């Protein structure tokens, strides 16, 4: 009888231990599940942040907001504030809804750190202060590029040179600036009103922009055959690819007065 009681007590004890182990195991599963479901705060983009766009500018434009996400959905390196990146720029396009991560921000500097959008290439052009908006163009800005053809010529089917009308028109309506080089001084020889040659010192700076292949082809040809001028744009500036204007559009009265 005593032996049977002891066996019964042992069985009960084993059952209690087994039950306790099951409870602990289930609680562990619940804890792990709850940990994954825990909500954490993270910064997300509310609009597209372009490559080269400063964090401060994007923040002022309201392109960041704090959002709660499940911990298991948190991207590695996600940021909850802009404190560590406030002086940096986006090194690639960040799209609406993306969590902000530190490795997507950096600095604009020399050629090795140019921020070039994935679908574009970088090319540089040397401009005077007048042609580059007197030095107000900086990385992250967008510009329109105009070309002025002076005394243009073309070759006719007979092989003769045929003079064309001079004109000014937009070559690239809107492209991003990804780099600004140092300014140097170059000599330029022009003619004064008396026809005498005059040499002047002109400050020049190399600007680097991000373009597609077709845009690069247009700009290279314009740079080789015309005078190129940059215009600084805002987000609201409306630029269109239009035929442009010639002398008749600038001074029609003068042309009408000619014999």
C-alpha atoms as a PDB file:
ATOM      1  CA  UNK A   1       0.000   0.000   0.000  1.00  0.00           C
ATOM      2  CA  UNK A   2       2.767   2.421   0.951  1.00  0.00           C
ATOM      3  CA  UNK A   3       4.611   1.511  -2.237  1.00  0.00           C
ATOM      4  CA  UNK A   4       1.528   2.234  -4.322  1.00  0.00           C
ATOM      5  CA  UNK A   5       1.127   5.607  -2.660  1.00  0.00           C
ATOM      6  CA  UNK A   6       4.747   6.475  -3.385  1.00  0.00           C
ATOM      7  CA  UNK A   7       4.334   5.547  -7.062  1.00  0.00           C
ATOM      8  CA  UNK A   8       1.181   7.637  -7.259  1.00  0.00           C
ATOM      9  CA  UNK A   9       2.959  10.646  -5.736  1.00  0.00           C
ATOM     10  CA  UNK A  10       5.869  10.256  -8.166  1.00  0.00           C
ATOM     11  CA  UNK A  11       3.443  10.118 -11.105  1.00  0.00           C
ATOM     12  CA  UNK A  12       1.667  13.238  -9.889  1.00  0.00           C
ATOM     13  CA  UNK A  13       5.008  15.007  -9.432  1.00  0.00           C
ATOM     14  CA  UNK A  14       6.121  14.071 -12.953  1.00  0.00           C
ATOM     15  CA  UNK A  15       2.816  15.317 -14.313  1.00  0.00           C
ATOM     16  CA  UNK A  16       3.212  18.623 -12.473  1.00  0.00           C
ATOM     17  CA  UNK A  17       6.770  19.044 -13.769  1.00  0.00           C
ATOM     18  CA  UNK A  18       5.637  18.281 -17.312  1.00  0.00           C
ATOM     19  CA  UNK A  19       2.805  20.767 -17.032  1.00  0.00           C
ATOM     20  CA  UNK A  20       5.194  23.402 -15.682  1.00  0.00           C
ATOM     21  CA  UNK A  21       7.606  22.831 -18.560  1.00  0.00           C
ATOM     22  CA  UNK A  22       4.775  23.194 -21.086  1.00  0.00           C
ATOM     23  CA  UNK A  23       3.649  26.437 -19.429  1.00  0.00           C
ATOM     24  CA  UNK A  24       7.195  27.841 -19.487  1.00  0.00           C
ATOM     25  CA  UNK A  25       7.595  26.858 -23.142  1.00  0.00           C
ATOM     26  CA  UNK A  26       4.291  28.462 -24.138  1.00  0.00           C
ATOM     27  CA  UNK A  27       5.150  31.608 -22.196  1.00  0.00           C
ATOM     28  CA  UNK A  28       8.468  31.761 -24.060  1.00  0.00           C
ATOM     29  CA  UNK A  29       6.643  31.538 -27.387  1.00  0.00           C
ATOM     30  CA  UNK A  30       4.246  34.273 -26.295  1.00  0.00           C
ATOM     31  CA  UNK A  31       7.148  36.463 -25.160  1.00  0.00           C
ATOM     32  CA  UNK A  32       8.963  36.050 -28.447  1.00  0.00           C
ATOM     33  CA  UNK A  33       5.783  36.761 -30.376  1.00  0.00           C
ATOM     34  CA  UNK A  34       5.065  39.826 -28.242  1.00  0.00           C
ATOM     35  CA  UNK A  35       8.628  41.058 -28.788  1.00  0.00           C
ATOM     36  CA  UNK A  36       8.163  40.937 -32.570  1.00  0.00           C
ATOM     37  CA  UNK A  37       4.834  42.751 -32.296  1.00  0.00           C
ATOM     38  CA  UNK A  38       6.225  45.550 -30.097  1.00  0.00           C
ATOM     39  CA  UNK A  39       5.785  48.927 -31.746  1.00  0.00           C
ATOM     40  CA  UNK A  40       8.853  51.159 -32.190  1.00  0.00           C
ATOM     41  CA  UNK A  41       9.165  54.672 -33.595  1.00  0.00           C
ATOM     42  CA  UNK A  42      11.056  55.270 -36.846  1.00  0.00           C
ATOM     43  CA  UNK A  43      11.462  58.055 -39.423  1.00  0.00           C
ATOM     44  CA  UNK A  44       9.927  57.412 -42.848  1.00  0.00           C
ATOM     45  CA  UNK A  45       9.877  59.464 -46.053  1.00  0.00           C
ATOM     46  CA  UNK A  46       6.560  61.093 -46.929  1.00  0.00           C
ATOM     47  CA  UNK A  47       7.774  62.118 -50.393  1.00  0.00           C
ATOM     48  CA  UNK A  48      10.631  61.266 -52.735  1.00  0.00           C
ATOM     49  CA  UNK A  49      13.996  62.585 -51.513  1.00  0.00           C
ATOM     50  CA  UNK A  50      16.269  63.054 -54.508  1.00  0.00           C
ATOM     51  CA  UNK A  51      19.934  62.109 -54.589  1.00  0.00           C
ATOM     52  CA  UNK A  52      22.007  65.051 -53.364  1.00  0.00           C
ATOM     53  CA  UNK A  53      19.094  66.660 -51.518  1.00  0.00           C
ATOM     54  CA  UNK A  54      20.191  68.012 -48.116  1.00  0.00           C
ATOM     55  CA  UNK A  55      18.525  66.504 -45.057  1.00  0.00           C
ATOM     56  CA  UNK A  56      17.804  69.989 -43.706  1.00  0.00           C
ATOM     57  CA  UNK A  57      16.019  70.963 -46.925  1.00  0.00           C
ATOM     58  CA  UNK A  58      14.007  67.745 -47.001  1.00  0.00           C
ATOM     59  CA  UNK A  59      13.047  68.256 -43.367  1.00  0.00           C
ATOM     60  CA  UNK A  60      11.897  71.814 -44.020  1.00  0.00           C
ATOM     61  CA  UNK A  61       9.842  70.548 -46.951  1.00  0.00           C
ATOM     62  CA  UNK A  62       8.075  68.089 -44.636  1.00  0.00           C
ATOM     63  CA  UNK A  63       9.470  64.975 -46.306  1.00  0.00           C
ATOM     64  CA  UNK A  64      10.070  63.145 -42.994  1.00  0.00           C
ATOM     65  CA  UNK A  65       7.597  61.901 -40.415  1.00  0.00           C
ATOM     66  CA  UNK A  66       7.740  59.616 -37.399  1.00  0.00           C
ATOM     67  CA  UNK A  67       5.802  56.379 -37.659  1.00  0.00           C
ATOM     68  CA  UNK A  68       5.287  53.351 -35.420  1.00  0.00           C
ATOM     69  CA  UNK A  69       6.174  49.974 -36.922  1.00  0.00           C
ATOM     70  CA  UNK A  70       6.438  46.466 -35.506  1.00  0.00           C
ATOM     71  CA  UNK A  71       9.930  45.686 -34.259  1.00  0.00           C
ATOM     72  CA  UNK A  72      10.151  42.742 -36.629  1.00  0.00           C
ATOM     73  CA  UNK A  73       9.491  45.157 -39.535  1.00  0.00           C
ATOM     74  CA  UNK A  74      12.222  47.567 -38.430  1.00  0.00           C
ATOM     75  CA  UNK A  75      14.953  47.921 -41.067  1.00  0.00           C
ATOM     76  CA  UNK A  76      18.500  47.426 -39.818  1.00  0.00           C
ATOM     77  CA  UNK A  77      20.019  50.833 -39.088  1.00  0.00           C
ATOM     78  CA  UNK A  78      16.688  52.680 -39.205  1.00  0.00           C
ATOM     79  CA  UNK A  79      16.705  56.163 -37.646  1.00  0.00           C
ATOM     80  CA  UNK A  80      14.263  57.639 -35.162  1.00  0.00           C
ATOM     81  CA  UNK A  81      15.626  61.190 -35.504  1.00  0.00           C
ATOM     82  CA  UNK A  82      17.693  63.279 -37.921  1.00  0.00           C
ATOM     83  CA  UNK A  83      20.228  64.339 -35.297  1.00  0.00           C
ATOM     84  CA  UNK A  84      23.057  62.240 -36.742  1.00  0.00           C
ATOM     85  CA  UNK A  85      22.366  63.124 -40.407  1.00  0.00           C
ATOM     86  CA  UNK A  86      21.184  66.734 -40.255  1.00  0.00           C
ATOM     87  CA  UNK A  87      24.315  68.037 -42.039  1.00  0.00           C
ATOM     88  CA  UNK A  88      24.317  65.329 -44.728  1.00  0.00           C
ATOM     89  CA  UNK A  89      22.601  64.747 -48.053  1.00  0.00           C
ATOM     90  CA  UNK A  90      20.836  61.772 -49.582  1.00  0.00           C
ATOM     91  CA  UNK A  91      23.318  59.672 -51.565  1.00  0.00           C
ATOM     92  CA  UNK A  92      20.546  58.043 -53.567  1.00  0.00           C
ATOM     93  CA  UNK A  93      16.843  58.494 -54.183  1.00  0.00           C
ATOM     94  CA  UNK A  94      14.676  57.669 -51.159  1.00  0.00           C
ATOM     95  CA  UNK A  95      11.061  56.950 -52.014  1.00  0.00           C
ATOM     96  CA  UNK A  96       7.820  57.608 -50.175  1.00  0.00           C
ATOM     97  CA  UNK A  97       7.221  55.144 -47.354  1.00  0.00           C
ATOM     98  CA  UNK A  98      10.875  54.100 -46.991  1.00  0.00           C
ATOM     99  CA  UNK A  99      12.400  53.964 -43.524  1.00  0.00           C
ATOM    100  CA  UNK A 100      15.374  56.305 -43.206  1.00  0.00           C
ATOM    101  CA  UNK A 101      18.668  54.515 -42.606  1.00  0.00           C
ATOM    102  CA  UNK A 102      22.021  56.130 -41.890  1.00  0.00           C
ATOM    103  CA  UNK A 103      23.902  54.490 -44.766  1.00  0.00           C
ATOM    104  CA  UNK A 104      21.694  56.270 -47.311  1.00  0.00           C
ATOM    105  CA  UNK A 105      23.105  59.663 -46.305  1.00  0.00           C
ATOM    106  CA  UNK A 106      26.562  61.139 -46.838  1.00  0.00           C
ATOM    107  CA  UNK A 107      28.451  64.256 -47.916  1.00  0.00           C
ATOM    108  CA  UNK A 108      29.037  65.898 -51.279  1.00  0.00           C
ATOM    109  CA  UNK A 109      32.693  66.555 -51.979  1.00  0.00           C
ATOM    110  CA  UNK A 110      35.262  65.527 -54.525  1.00  0.00           C
ATOM    111  CA  UNK A 111      34.713  63.300 -57.550  1.00  0.00           C
ATOM    112  CA  UNK A 112      35.095  60.119 -55.489  1.00  0.00           C
ATOM    113  CA  UNK A 113      32.011  61.012 -53.481  1.00  0.00           C
ATOM    114  CA  UNK A 114      29.755  62.355 -56.235  1.00  0.00           C
ATOM    115  CA  UNK A 115      26.150  61.392 -55.704  1.00  0.00           C
ATOM    116  CA  UNK A 116      24.923  60.132 -59.067  1.00  0.00           C
ATOM    117  CA  UNK A 117      21.371  58.792 -59.514  1.00  0.00           C
ATOM    118  CA  UNK A 118      21.326  55.152 -60.591  1.00  0.00           C
ATOM    119  CA  UNK A 119      19.826  55.861 -64.027  1.00  0.00           C
ATOM    120  CA  UNK A 120      22.143  58.768 -64.909  1.00  0.00           C
ATOM    121  CA  UNK A 121      25.775  59.681 -65.511  1.00  0.00           C
ATOM    122  CA  UNK A 122      27.848  62.638 -64.363  1.00  0.00           C
ATOM    123  CA  UNK A 123      29.414  65.116 -66.754  1.00  0.00           C
ATOM    124  CA  UNK A 124      31.161  68.423 -66.191  1.00  0.00           C
ATOM    125  CA  UNK A 125      31.224  71.731 -67.997  1.00  0.00           C
ATOM    126  CA  UNK A 126      33.336  74.817 -67.381  1.00  0.00           C
ATOM    127  CA  UNK A 127      31.425  78.090 -67.025  1.00  0.00           C
ATOM    128  CA  UNK A 128      32.137  81.705 -66.171  1.00  0.00           C
ATOM    129  CA  UNK A 129      30.461  83.394 -63.192  1.00  0.00           C
ATOM    130  CA  UNK A 130      27.827  84.914 -65.469  1.00  0.00           C
ATOM    131  CA  UNK A 131      27.052  81.589 -67.086  1.00  0.00           C
ATOM    132  CA  UNK A 132      26.686  79.778 -63.744  1.00  0.00           C
ATOM    133  CA  UNK A 133      24.439  82.306 -61.936  1.00  0.00           C
ATOM    134  CA  UNK A 134      27.329  84.155 -60.267  1.00  0.00           C
ATOM    135  CA  UNK A 135      28.295  81.260 -58.012  1.00  0.00           C
ATOM    136  CA  UNK A 136      24.865  80.650 -56.437  1.00  0.00           C
ATOM    137  CA  UNK A 137      24.605  77.116 -57.878  1.00  0.00           C
ATOM    138  CA  UNK A 138      25.461  74.415 -55.334  1.00  0.00           C
ATOM    139  CA  UNK A 139      25.248  70.617 -55.204  1.00  0.00           C
ATOM    140  CA  UNK A 140      21.627  69.572 -54.793  1.00  0.00           C
ATOM    141  CA  UNK A 141      20.301  72.486 -56.874  1.00  0.00           C
ATOM    142  CA  UNK A 142      18.550  72.008 -60.199  1.00  0.00           C
ATOM    143  CA  UNK A 143      19.352  74.076 -63.277  1.00  0.00           C
ATOM    144  CA  UNK A 144      18.068  74.685 -66.766  1.00  0.00           C
ATOM    145  CA  UNK A 145      20.706  74.883 -69.492  1.00  0.00           C
ATOM    146  CA  UNK A 146      20.395  77.279 -72.420  1.00  0.00           C
ATOM    147  CA  UNK A 147      22.469  77.471 -75.595  1.00  0.00           C
ATOM    148  CA  UNK A 148      23.049  80.516 -77.778  1.00  0.00           C
ATOM    149  CA  UNK A 149      24.201  79.884 -81.334  1.00  0.00           C
ATOM    150  CA  UNK A 150      26.114  82.829 -82.784  1.00  0.00           C
ATOM    151  CA  UNK A 151      26.665  82.903 -86.533  1.00  0.00           C
ATOM    152  CA  UNK A 152      25.720  79.224 -86.961  1.00  0.00           C
ATOM    153  CA  UNK A 153      26.436  77.437 -90.241  1.00  0.00           C
ATOM    154  CA  UNK A 154      25.382  74.188 -91.822  1.00  0.00           C
ATOM    155  CA  UNK A 155      26.616  72.242 -94.804  1.00  0.00           C
ATOM    156  CA  UNK A 156      24.174  72.066 -97.714  1.00  0.00           C
ATOM    157  CA  UNK A 157      23.737  68.932 -99.870  1.00  0.00           C
ATOM    158  CA  UNK A 158      26.036  70.590-102.428  1.00  0.00           C
ATOM    159  CA  UNK A 159      28.799  70.929 -99.841  1.00  0.00           C
ATOM    160  CA  UNK A 160      28.430  74.698 -99.448  1.00  0.00           C
ATOM    161  CA  UNK A 161      28.210  76.446 -96.086  1.00  0.00           C
ATOM    162  CA  UNK A 162      24.818  78.001 -95.488  1.00  0.00           C
ATOM    163  CA  UNK A 163      24.353  80.672 -92.799  1.00  0.00           C
ATOM    164  CA  UNK A 164      21.536  80.023 -90.355  1.00  0.00           C
ATOM    165  CA  UNK A 165      19.712  82.454 -88.116  1.00  0.00           C
ATOM    166  CA  UNK A 166      21.191  82.922 -84.650  1.00  0.00           C
ATOM    167  CA  UNK A 167      19.035  81.772 -81.735  1.00  0.00           C
ATOM    168  CA  UNK A 168      18.842  81.013 -78.021  1.00  0.00           C
ATOM    169  CA  UNK A 169      16.864  78.078 -76.654  1.00  0.00           C
ATOM    170  CA  UNK A 170      16.741  75.685 -73.726  1.00  0.00           C
ATOM    171  CA  UNK A 171      18.838  72.560 -74.218  1.00  0.00           C
ATOM    172  CA  UNK A 172      17.997  70.777 -70.950  1.00  0.00           C
ATOM    173  CA  UNK A 173      14.924  72.069 -69.074  1.00  0.00           C
ATOM    174  CA  UNK A 174      15.835  70.635 -65.647  1.00  0.00           C
ATOM    175  CA  UNK A 175      18.879  68.665 -64.440  1.00  0.00           C
ATOM    176  CA  UNK A 176      20.408  68.200 -60.950  1.00  0.00           C
ATOM    177  CA  UNK A 177      23.820  69.584 -59.967  1.00  0.00           C
ATOM    178  CA  UNK A 178      25.950  66.980 -58.164  1.00  0.00           C
ATOM    179  CA  UNK A 179      29.257  68.811 -57.809  1.00  0.00           C
ATOM    180  CA  UNK A 180      30.898  72.243 -57.947  1.00  0.00           C
ATOM    181  CA  UNK A 181      34.639  72.535 -58.537  1.00  0.00           C
ATOM    182  CA  UNK A 182      37.014  75.257 -57.457  1.00  0.00           C
ATOM    183  CA  UNK A 183      37.099  78.547 -59.337  1.00  0.00           C
ATOM    184  CA  UNK A 184      40.077  79.441 -61.526  1.00  0.00           C
ATOM    185  CA  UNK A 185      40.890  82.482 -63.637  1.00  0.00           C
ATOM    186  CA  UNK A 186      41.238  82.232 -67.406  1.00  0.00           C
ATOM    187  CA  UNK A 187      42.117  84.801 -70.061  1.00  0.00           C
ATOM    188  CA  UNK A 188      39.575  85.659 -72.722  1.00  0.00           C
ATOM    189  CA  UNK A 189      40.198  87.796 -75.795  1.00  0.00           C
ATOM    190  CA  UNK A 190      37.332  89.840 -77.201  1.00  0.00           C
ATOM    191  CA  UNK A 191      36.920  92.845 -79.489  1.00  0.00           C
ATOM    192  CA  UNK A 192      35.821  96.258 -78.271  1.00  0.00           C
ATOM    193  CA  UNK A 193      33.591  98.715 -80.130  1.00  0.00           C
ATOM    194  CA  UNK A 194      36.589  99.918 -82.150  1.00  0.00           C
ATOM    195  CA  UNK A 195      37.396  96.400 -83.325  1.00  0.00           C
ATOM    196  CA  UNK A 196      40.510  96.175 -81.178  1.00  0.00           C
ATOM    197  CA  UNK A 197      41.317  92.924 -79.380  1.00  0.00           C
ATOM    198  CA  UNK A 198      41.042  93.146 -75.590  1.00  0.00           C
ATOM    199  CA  UNK A 199      42.222  90.500 -73.139  1.00  0.00           C
ATOM    200  CA  UNK A 200      40.371  90.132 -69.853  1.00  0.00           C
ATOM    201  CA  UNK A 201      40.625  87.820 -66.858  1.00  0.00           C
ATOM    202  CA  UNK A 202      37.482  85.722 -66.393  1.00  0.00           C
ATOM    203  CA  UNK A 203      36.772  83.488 -63.374  1.00  0.00           C
ATOM    204  CA  UNK A 204      35.650  80.005 -64.414  1.00  0.00           C
ATOM    205  CA  UNK A 205      34.248  77.094 -62.432  1.00  0.00           C
ATOM    206  CA  UNK A 206      33.552  73.492 -63.366  1.00  0.00           C
ATOM    207  CA  UNK A 207      30.016  72.351 -62.589  1.00  0.00           C
ATOM    208  CA  UNK A 208      29.097  68.662 -62.640  1.00  0.00           C
ATOM    209  CA  UNK A 209      25.549  67.590 -63.406  1.00  0.00           C
ATOM    210  CA  UNK A 210      23.698  64.271 -63.585  1.00  0.00           C
ATOM    211  CA  UNK A 211      22.245  63.517 -67.015  1.00  0.00           C
ATOM    212  CA  UNK A 212      20.922  60.697 -69.150  1.00  0.00           C
ATOM    213  CA  UNK A 213      22.800  59.617 -72.263  1.00  0.00           C
ATOM    214  CA  UNK A 214      20.498  61.642 -74.538  1.00  0.00           C
ATOM    215  CA  UNK A 215      20.920  64.731 -72.327  1.00  0.00           C
ATOM    216  CA  UNK A 216      24.700  64.287 -72.313  1.00  0.00           C
ATOM    217  CA  UNK A 217      24.772  64.138 -76.116  1.00  0.00           C
ATOM    218  CA  UNK A 218      22.753  67.345 -76.418  1.00  0.00           C
ATOM    219  CA  UNK A 219      24.869  69.188 -73.854  1.00  0.00           C
ATOM    220  CA  UNK A 220      28.209  68.088 -75.310  1.00  0.00           C
ATOM    221  CA  UNK A 221      27.180  69.214 -78.777  1.00  0.00           C
ATOM    222  CA  UNK A 222      25.843  72.507 -77.416  1.00  0.00           C
ATOM    223  CA  UNK A 223      29.074  73.093 -75.476  1.00  0.00           C
ATOM    224  CA  UNK A 224      31.185  72.497 -78.594  1.00  0.00           C
ATOM    225  CA  UNK A 225      29.114  74.626 -80.969  1.00  0.00           C
ATOM    226  CA  UNK A 226      27.335  77.294 -78.910  1.00  0.00           C
ATOM    227  CA  UNK A 227      27.642  79.440 -75.789  1.00  0.00           C
ATOM    228  CA  UNK A 228      26.074  77.653 -72.810  1.00  0.00           C
ATOM    229  CA  UNK A 229      24.346  79.354 -69.860  1.00  0.00           C
ATOM    230  CA  UNK A 230      22.908  77.811 -66.673  1.00  0.00           C
ATOM    231  CA  UNK A 231      19.757  79.101 -64.935  1.00  0.00           C
ATOM    232  CA  UNK A 232      19.074  78.238 -61.278  1.00  0.00           C
ATOM    233  CA  UNK A 233      15.614  76.717 -60.684  1.00  0.00           C
ATOM    234  CA  UNK A 234      13.228  76.346 -57.768  1.00  0.00           C
ATOM    235  CA  UNK A 235      10.773  73.501 -57.256  1.00  0.00           C
ATOM    236  CA  UNK A 236       8.031  75.700 -58.723  1.00  0.00           C
ATOM    237  CA  UNK A 237       9.980  76.928 -61.762  1.00  0.00           C
ATOM    238  CA  UNK A 238       8.275  75.892 -64.999  1.00  0.00           C
ATOM    239  CA  UNK A 239      10.745  75.106 -67.791  1.00  0.00           C
ATOM    240  CA  UNK A 240       9.728  73.719 -71.166  1.00  0.00           C
ATOM    241  CA  UNK A 241      11.549  72.414 -74.212  1.00  0.00           C
ATOM    242  CA  UNK A 242      10.508  75.083 -76.728  1.00  0.00           C
ATOM    243  CA  UNK A 243      11.899  76.320 -80.093  1.00  0.00           C
ATOM    244  CA  UNK A 244      13.595  79.307 -78.475  1.00  0.00           C
ATOM    245  CA  UNK A 245      14.080  82.803 -79.821  1.00  0.00           C
ATOM    246  CA  UNK A 246      16.238  84.458 -82.465  1.00  0.00           C
ATOM    247  CA  UNK A 247      17.153  88.085 -83.131  1.00  0.00           C
ATOM    248  CA  UNK A 248      13.767  88.661 -84.753  1.00  0.00           C
ATOM    249  CA  UNK A 249      12.114  87.758 -81.462  1.00  0.00           C
ATOM    250  CA  UNK A 250      14.397  89.984 -79.395  1.00  0.00           C
ATOM    251  CA  UNK A 251      14.420  93.119 -81.596  1.00  0.00           C
ATOM    252  CA  UNK A 252      11.648  92.801 -84.197  1.00  0.00           C
ATOM    253  CA  UNK A 253      11.407  96.605 -84.632  1.00  0.00           C
ATOM    254  CA  UNK A 254      15.084  96.817 -85.567  1.00  0.00           C
ATOM    255  CA  UNK A 255      14.733  94.113 -88.196  1.00  0.00           C
ATOM    256  CA  UNK A 256      11.605  95.710 -89.672  1.00  0.00           C
ATOM    257  CA  UNK A 257      13.501  98.982 -89.986  1.00  0.00           C
ATOM    258  CA  UNK A 258      16.260  97.404 -92.074  1.00  0.00           C
ATOM    259  CA  UNK A 259      16.124  98.201 -95.816  1.00  0.00           C
END
